[in-house]
Amino acid sequence: RDRMLAAIYFILAQIPFWALFEQAGSSLTLFTARMVDRTMFGISVPTPVFQFLNAGFIVMFAPIFAWMWIAMAKRKIEPSAPVKFAFGVFLAGLGFLSLVGGIAASGTGLIAVYFIFLIYWIHTMGELMLSPVGLSQVTKLAPARAVGMSMGAWFLYSGLSNYLAGVIARGTGAETIGGQLTDVVAAKATYVTVYTNVAYVAMAIGVVMLLISPIIKKLMHLDTLKGDPSHALAGEAQLGQPGAGGMHPPEKAGA
């Protein structure tokens, strides 16, 4: 029973992370197109190109994380799965807070492109904390007879996070004519308000998750699980499979 409660916790705890992460396919794409100076080395970079940042950062940093967890596990200092989840959610909020800082630094002009690199990098670090752990822990903690149902619940609530992502994206809407903003200042103010709110909420949730992580770890009964119960790399096989980790390919943003 305790392990099932822990599995339910992981299923629910993914929601705030993916709700923010999935802005990459909606509000963040429109933000990049309308509010960011995308000129790099004298070339105007098309907005869709920035969608590859997450995949690129995963390729670069996934091996580093894998090595890091193994090294920390050998020294018995590897963070538990609940702690990794907490950091993942916190980083999702921190990414948007960094973008708000970029908006503030830009004044009335366009936002520097490196803030887009920064938010994608922070979100990818959070994804590498949370995504490989999630489905792995759910399948390990659920009773054998309920593994299928638990996996279904994981993807069901992953879908709920996509719905919440849409709600957040709608909140950033701005009036346009022919795809161009009619009031850039008002649009910036809207982005600042929405992104600041979701950032602080996610970071607060992350802190609460960190505080209760010892309780969740106790519910997991790691000492009696078969195999290497606390090793997050049990989800390593899913790392390159977005759907398996709860991640979804970014959708094309509307105008």
Protein backbone atom coordinates (compact mmCIF):
# COMPACT_ATOMS: atom_id res chain seq x y z
CA ARG A 1 0.00 0.00 0.00
CA ASP A 2 2.78 2.43 0.90
CA ARG A 3 4.55 1.82 -2.39
CA MET A 4 1.34 2.38 -4.31
CA LEU A 5 0.93 5.72 -2.56
CA ALA A 6 4.48 6.60 -3.58
CA ALA A 7 3.69 5.62 -7.17
CA ILE A 8 0.61 7.86 -7.12
CA TYR A 9 2.80 10.68 -5.80
CA PHE A 10 5.17 10.37 -8.79
CA ILE A 11 2.22 10.24 -11.19
CA LEU A 12 0.82 13.50 -9.80
CA ALA A 13 4.16 15.21 -9.23
CA GLN A 14 4.97 15.18 -12.94
CA ILE A 15 2.06 17.52 -13.75
CA PRO A 16 3.61 20.91 -12.88
CA PHE A 17 6.84 20.06 -14.67
CA TRP A 18 5.29 19.06 -17.99
CA ALA A 19 2.77 21.91 -17.84
CA LEU A 20 5.69 24.34 -17.92
CA PHE A 21 7.99 22.28 -20.11
CA GLU A 22 5.35 22.01 -22.84
CA GLN A 23 5.35 25.78 -23.29
CA ALA A 24 8.21 25.04 -25.69
CA GLY A 25 5.63 24.05 -28.29
CA SER A 26 3.26 26.94 -27.69
CA SER A 27 3.78 30.20 -25.82
CA LEU A 28 7.57 29.97 -25.76
CA THR A 29 7.67 29.49 -29.53
CA LEU A 30 5.48 32.54 -30.10
CA PHE A 31 7.54 34.48 -27.56
CA THR A 32 10.71 33.60 -29.46
CA ALA A 33 9.18 34.64 -32.78
CA ARG A 34 7.76 37.95 -31.59
CA MET A 35 9.90 39.17 -28.71
CA VAL A 36 13.44 37.85 -29.24
CA ASP A 37 16.32 39.19 -31.31
CA ARG A 38 17.08 35.99 -33.21
CA THR A 39 20.07 37.38 -35.08
CA MET A 40 23.19 35.29 -34.53
CA PHE A 41 26.48 35.98 -36.32
CA GLY A 42 24.63 38.26 -38.70
CA ILE A 43 22.04 35.60 -39.57
CA SER A 44 18.38 35.73 -38.57
CA VAL A 45 17.69 32.28 -37.14
CA PRO A 46 14.19 30.89 -37.92
CA THR A 47 12.09 30.31 -34.82
CA PRO A 48 11.62 26.53 -35.38
CA VAL A 49 15.38 26.03 -35.15
CA PHE A 50 15.24 26.73 -31.42
CA GLN A 51 13.06 23.65 -30.99
CA PHE A 52 16.22 21.59 -31.45
CA LEU A 53 17.89 23.07 -28.37
CA ASN A 54 16.23 20.61 -26.00
CA ALA A 55 17.24 17.59 -28.08
CA GLY A 56 20.76 18.95 -28.48
CA PHE A 57 21.17 19.55 -24.76
CA ILE A 58 19.89 16.03 -24.01
CA VAL A 59 22.48 14.52 -26.35
CA MET A 60 25.19 16.62 -24.71
CA PHE A 61 24.25 16.23 -21.06
CA ALA A 62 22.51 12.84 -20.73
CA PRO A 63 25.85 10.96 -20.66
CA ILE A 64 27.14 13.41 -18.06
CA PHE A 65 24.09 12.83 -15.86
CA ALA A 66 24.40 9.07 -16.29
CA TRP A 67 28.05 9.19 -15.24
CA MET A 68 27.25 11.55 -12.37
CA TRP A 69 24.51 9.33 -10.91
CA ILE A 70 26.74 6.26 -11.14
CA ALA A 71 29.64 8.07 -9.48
CA MET A 72 27.40 9.43 -6.72
CA ALA A 73 25.78 6.02 -6.19
CA LYS A 74 29.21 4.45 -5.67
CA ARG A 75 29.88 7.05 -2.97
CA LYS A 76 26.36 6.54 -1.57
CA ILE A 77 25.49 10.21 -2.06
CA GLU A 78 23.11 9.87 -5.01
CA PRO A 79 19.88 11.88 -4.47
CA SER A 80 16.75 9.79 -4.07
CA ALA A 81 14.09 9.74 -6.78
CA PRO A 82 11.79 12.12 -4.81
CA VAL A 83 14.65 14.62 -4.48
CA LYS A 84 15.36 14.45 -8.20
CA PHE A 85 11.68 15.03 -8.92
CA ALA A 86 11.70 18.06 -6.64
CA PHE A 87 14.70 19.55 -8.40
CA GLY A 88 13.10 18.88 -11.78
CA VAL A 89 9.96 20.84 -10.90
CA PHE A 90 11.99 23.63 -9.28
CA LEU A 91 14.14 23.98 -12.41
CA ALA A 92 11.04 24.24 -14.61
CA GLY A 93 10.05 27.32 -12.62
CA LEU A 94 13.59 28.67 -12.51
CA GLY A 95 13.78 28.55 -16.30
CA PHE A 96 10.84 30.91 -16.65
CA LEU A 97 12.17 33.16 -13.92
CA SER A 98 15.41 33.52 -15.90
CA LEU A 99 13.37 34.47 -18.96
CA VAL A 100 11.52 37.11 -16.95
CA GLY A 101 14.92 38.49 -16.02
CA GLY A 102 15.75 38.67 -19.71
CA ILE A 103 12.56 40.60 -20.41
CA ALA A 104 13.38 43.06 -17.64
CA ALA A 105 16.93 43.51 -18.96
CA SER A 106 15.70 44.24 -22.49
CA GLY A 107 13.78 47.38 -21.57
CA THR A 108 11.61 48.34 -24.55
CA GLY A 109 13.72 46.40 -27.07
CA LEU A 110 13.92 42.77 -28.13
CA ILE A 111 15.14 40.13 -25.68
CA ALA A 112 18.67 38.79 -26.17
CA VAL A 113 18.67 35.35 -27.78
CA TYR A 114 20.90 33.81 -25.12
CA PHE A 115 17.99 33.92 -22.68
CA ILE A 116 16.22 31.42 -24.95
CA PHE A 117 19.28 29.20 -24.82
CA LEU A 118 19.26 29.58 -21.03
CA ILE A 119 15.63 28.59 -20.47
CA TYR A 120 15.95 25.55 -22.74
CA TRP A 121 19.14 24.51 -20.96
CA ILE A 122 17.58 24.86 -17.50
CA HIS A 123 14.47 22.96 -18.57
CA THR A 124 16.58 20.19 -20.08
CA MET A 125 18.49 19.85 -16.81
CA GLY A 126 15.15 19.52 -15.05
CA GLU A 127 13.96 16.98 -17.60
CA LEU A 128 17.07 14.86 -17.06
CA MET A 129 16.33 14.95 -13.34
CA LEU A 130 12.70 13.94 -13.67
CA SER A 131 11.94 12.15 -16.92
CA PRO A 132 14.15 9.03 -16.67
CA VAL A 133 13.03 8.50 -13.08
CA GLY A 134 9.28 8.86 -13.39
CA LEU A 135 7.88 5.92 -15.33
CA SER A 136 10.64 3.67 -14.00
CA GLN A 137 9.66 4.36 -10.39
CA VAL A 138 5.96 3.96 -11.10
CA THR A 139 6.46 0.52 -12.66
CA LYS A 140 8.78 -0.57 -9.85
CA LEU A 141 6.55 0.62 -7.01
CA ALA A 142 3.17 -0.53 -8.31
CA PRO A 143 2.04 -4.08 -7.46
CA ALA A 144 2.53 -6.53 -10.33
CA ARG A 145 -1.21 -6.73 -10.95
CA ALA A 146 -1.47 -2.93 -11.19
CA VAL A 147 1.58 -2.10 -13.32
CA GLY A 148 -0.46 -1.68 -16.51
CA MET A 149 -3.00 0.52 -14.78
CA SER A 150 -0.23 2.60 -13.21
CA MET A 151 1.45 3.15 -16.57
CA GLY A 152 -1.89 4.20 -18.00
CA ALA A 153 -2.36 6.63 -15.12
CA TRP A 154 1.11 8.07 -15.77
CA PHE A 155 0.24 8.89 -19.37
CA LEU A 156 -3.27 10.05 -18.45
CA TYR A 157 -1.93 12.64 -16.04
CA SER A 158 0.78 13.52 -18.52
CA GLY A 159 -2.10 14.44 -20.81
CA LEU A 160 -3.60 16.56 -18.05
CA SER A 161 -0.34 18.47 -17.84
CA ASN A 162 -0.69 19.22 -21.56
CA TYR A 163 -4.14 20.65 -20.91
CA LEU A 164 -2.72 22.88 -18.17
CA ALA A 165 0.05 23.88 -20.56
CA GLY A 166 -2.64 25.09 -22.93
CA VAL A 167 -4.29 27.10 -20.17
CA ILE A 168 -0.96 28.79 -19.38
CA ALA A 169 -0.30 29.47 -23.06
CA ARG A 170 -3.71 31.09 -23.51
CA GLY A 171 -2.88 33.41 -20.64
CA THR A 172 0.03 34.83 -22.65
CA GLY A 173 -2.14 35.72 -25.64
CA ALA A 174 -1.69 39.16 -27.16
CA GLU A 175 -3.51 41.13 -29.86
CA THR A 176 -1.92 40.84 -33.29
CA ILE A 177 -2.57 42.08 -36.82
CA GLY A 178 -1.11 39.96 -39.58
CA GLY A 179 0.90 38.04 -37.00
CA GLN A 180 2.51 41.23 -35.66
CA LEU A 181 1.96 42.50 -32.14
CA THR A 182 -0.07 45.69 -31.93
CA ASP A 183 1.31 46.65 -28.52
CA VAL A 184 4.74 45.24 -27.67
CA VAL A 185 4.85 46.87 -24.23
CA ALA A 186 1.51 45.34 -23.23
CA ALA A 187 2.59 41.96 -24.59
CA LYS A 188 5.78 42.08 -22.54
CA ALA A 189 3.80 42.94 -19.43
CA THR A 190 1.52 39.95 -20.05
CA TYR A 191 4.44 37.58 -20.50
CA VAL A 192 6.10 38.91 -17.34
CA THR A 193 2.93 38.45 -15.29
CA VAL A 194 2.15 34.92 -16.50
CA TYR A 195 5.71 33.63 -16.52
CA THR A 196 6.49 35.11 -13.11
CA ASN A 197 3.39 33.53 -11.60
CA VAL A 198 4.01 30.06 -13.03
CA ALA A 199 7.70 30.29 -12.11
CA TYR A 200 7.04 31.06 -8.46
CA VAL A 201 4.28 28.45 -8.21
CA ALA A 202 6.50 25.73 -9.71
CA MET A 203 9.47 26.70 -7.55
CA ALA A 204 7.27 26.67 -4.44
CA ILE A 205 5.94 23.24 -5.38
CA GLY A 206 9.51 22.07 -5.88
CA VAL A 207 10.49 23.27 -2.41
CA VAL A 208 7.49 21.51 -0.85
CA MET A 209 8.36 18.33 -2.76
CA LEU A 210 11.92 18.55 -1.44
CA LEU A 211 10.67 18.94 2.13
CA ILE A 212 8.39 15.90 1.91
CA SER A 213 10.91 13.78 -0.04
CA PRO A 214 11.99 11.86 3.12
CA ILE A 215 8.36 10.84 3.65
CA ILE A 216 8.00 9.65 0.06
CA LYS A 217 11.30 7.79 0.27
CA LYS A 218 10.07 6.04 3.41
CA LEU A 219 6.86 5.02 1.61
CA MET A 220 8.95 3.48 -1.17
CA HIS A 221 10.52 0.92 1.23
CA LEU A 222 13.73 0.87 -0.79
CA ASP A 223 15.35 -1.63 1.55
CA THR A 224 12.97 -4.39 0.46
CA LEU A 225 12.71 -3.68 -3.26
CA LYS A 226 14.46 -6.19 -5.50
CA GLY A 227 17.53 -5.19 -7.44
CA ASP A 228 19.02 -1.72 -7.06
CA PRO A 229 15.94 0.13 -5.83
CA SER A 230 17.24 3.65 -5.53
CA HIS A 231 19.14 3.80 -8.80
CA ALA A 232 17.50 6.36 -11.08
CA LEU A 233 19.18 4.86 -14.14
CA ALA A 234 16.52 2.18 -14.12
CA GLY A 235 14.78 4.63 -16.47
CA GLU A 236 17.85 5.15 -18.64
CA ALA A 237 16.39 3.05 -21.43
CA GLN A 238 13.56 5.56 -21.76
CA LEU A 239 15.88 8.56 -21.92
CA GLY A 240 15.94 8.66 -25.69
CA GLN A 241 12.24 7.86 -26.00
CA PRO A 242 10.24 11.06 -25.33
CA GLY A 243 6.90 9.32 -24.97
CA ALA A 244 8.24 6.78 -22.48
CA GLY A 245 9.41 9.50 -20.15
CA GLY A 246 6.22 11.50 -20.36
CA MET A 247 7.72 13.98 -22.83
CA HIS A 248 5.88 14.83 -26.00
CA PRO A 249 7.19 16.18 -29.29
CA PRO A 250 6.53 19.93 -29.48
CA GLU A 251 3.47 20.90 -31.46
CA LYS A 252 3.51 23.63 -34.03
CA ALA A 253 2.37 26.89 -32.50
CA GLY A 254 -0.49 28.75 -34.05
CA ALA A 255 -0.26 32.39 -35.06
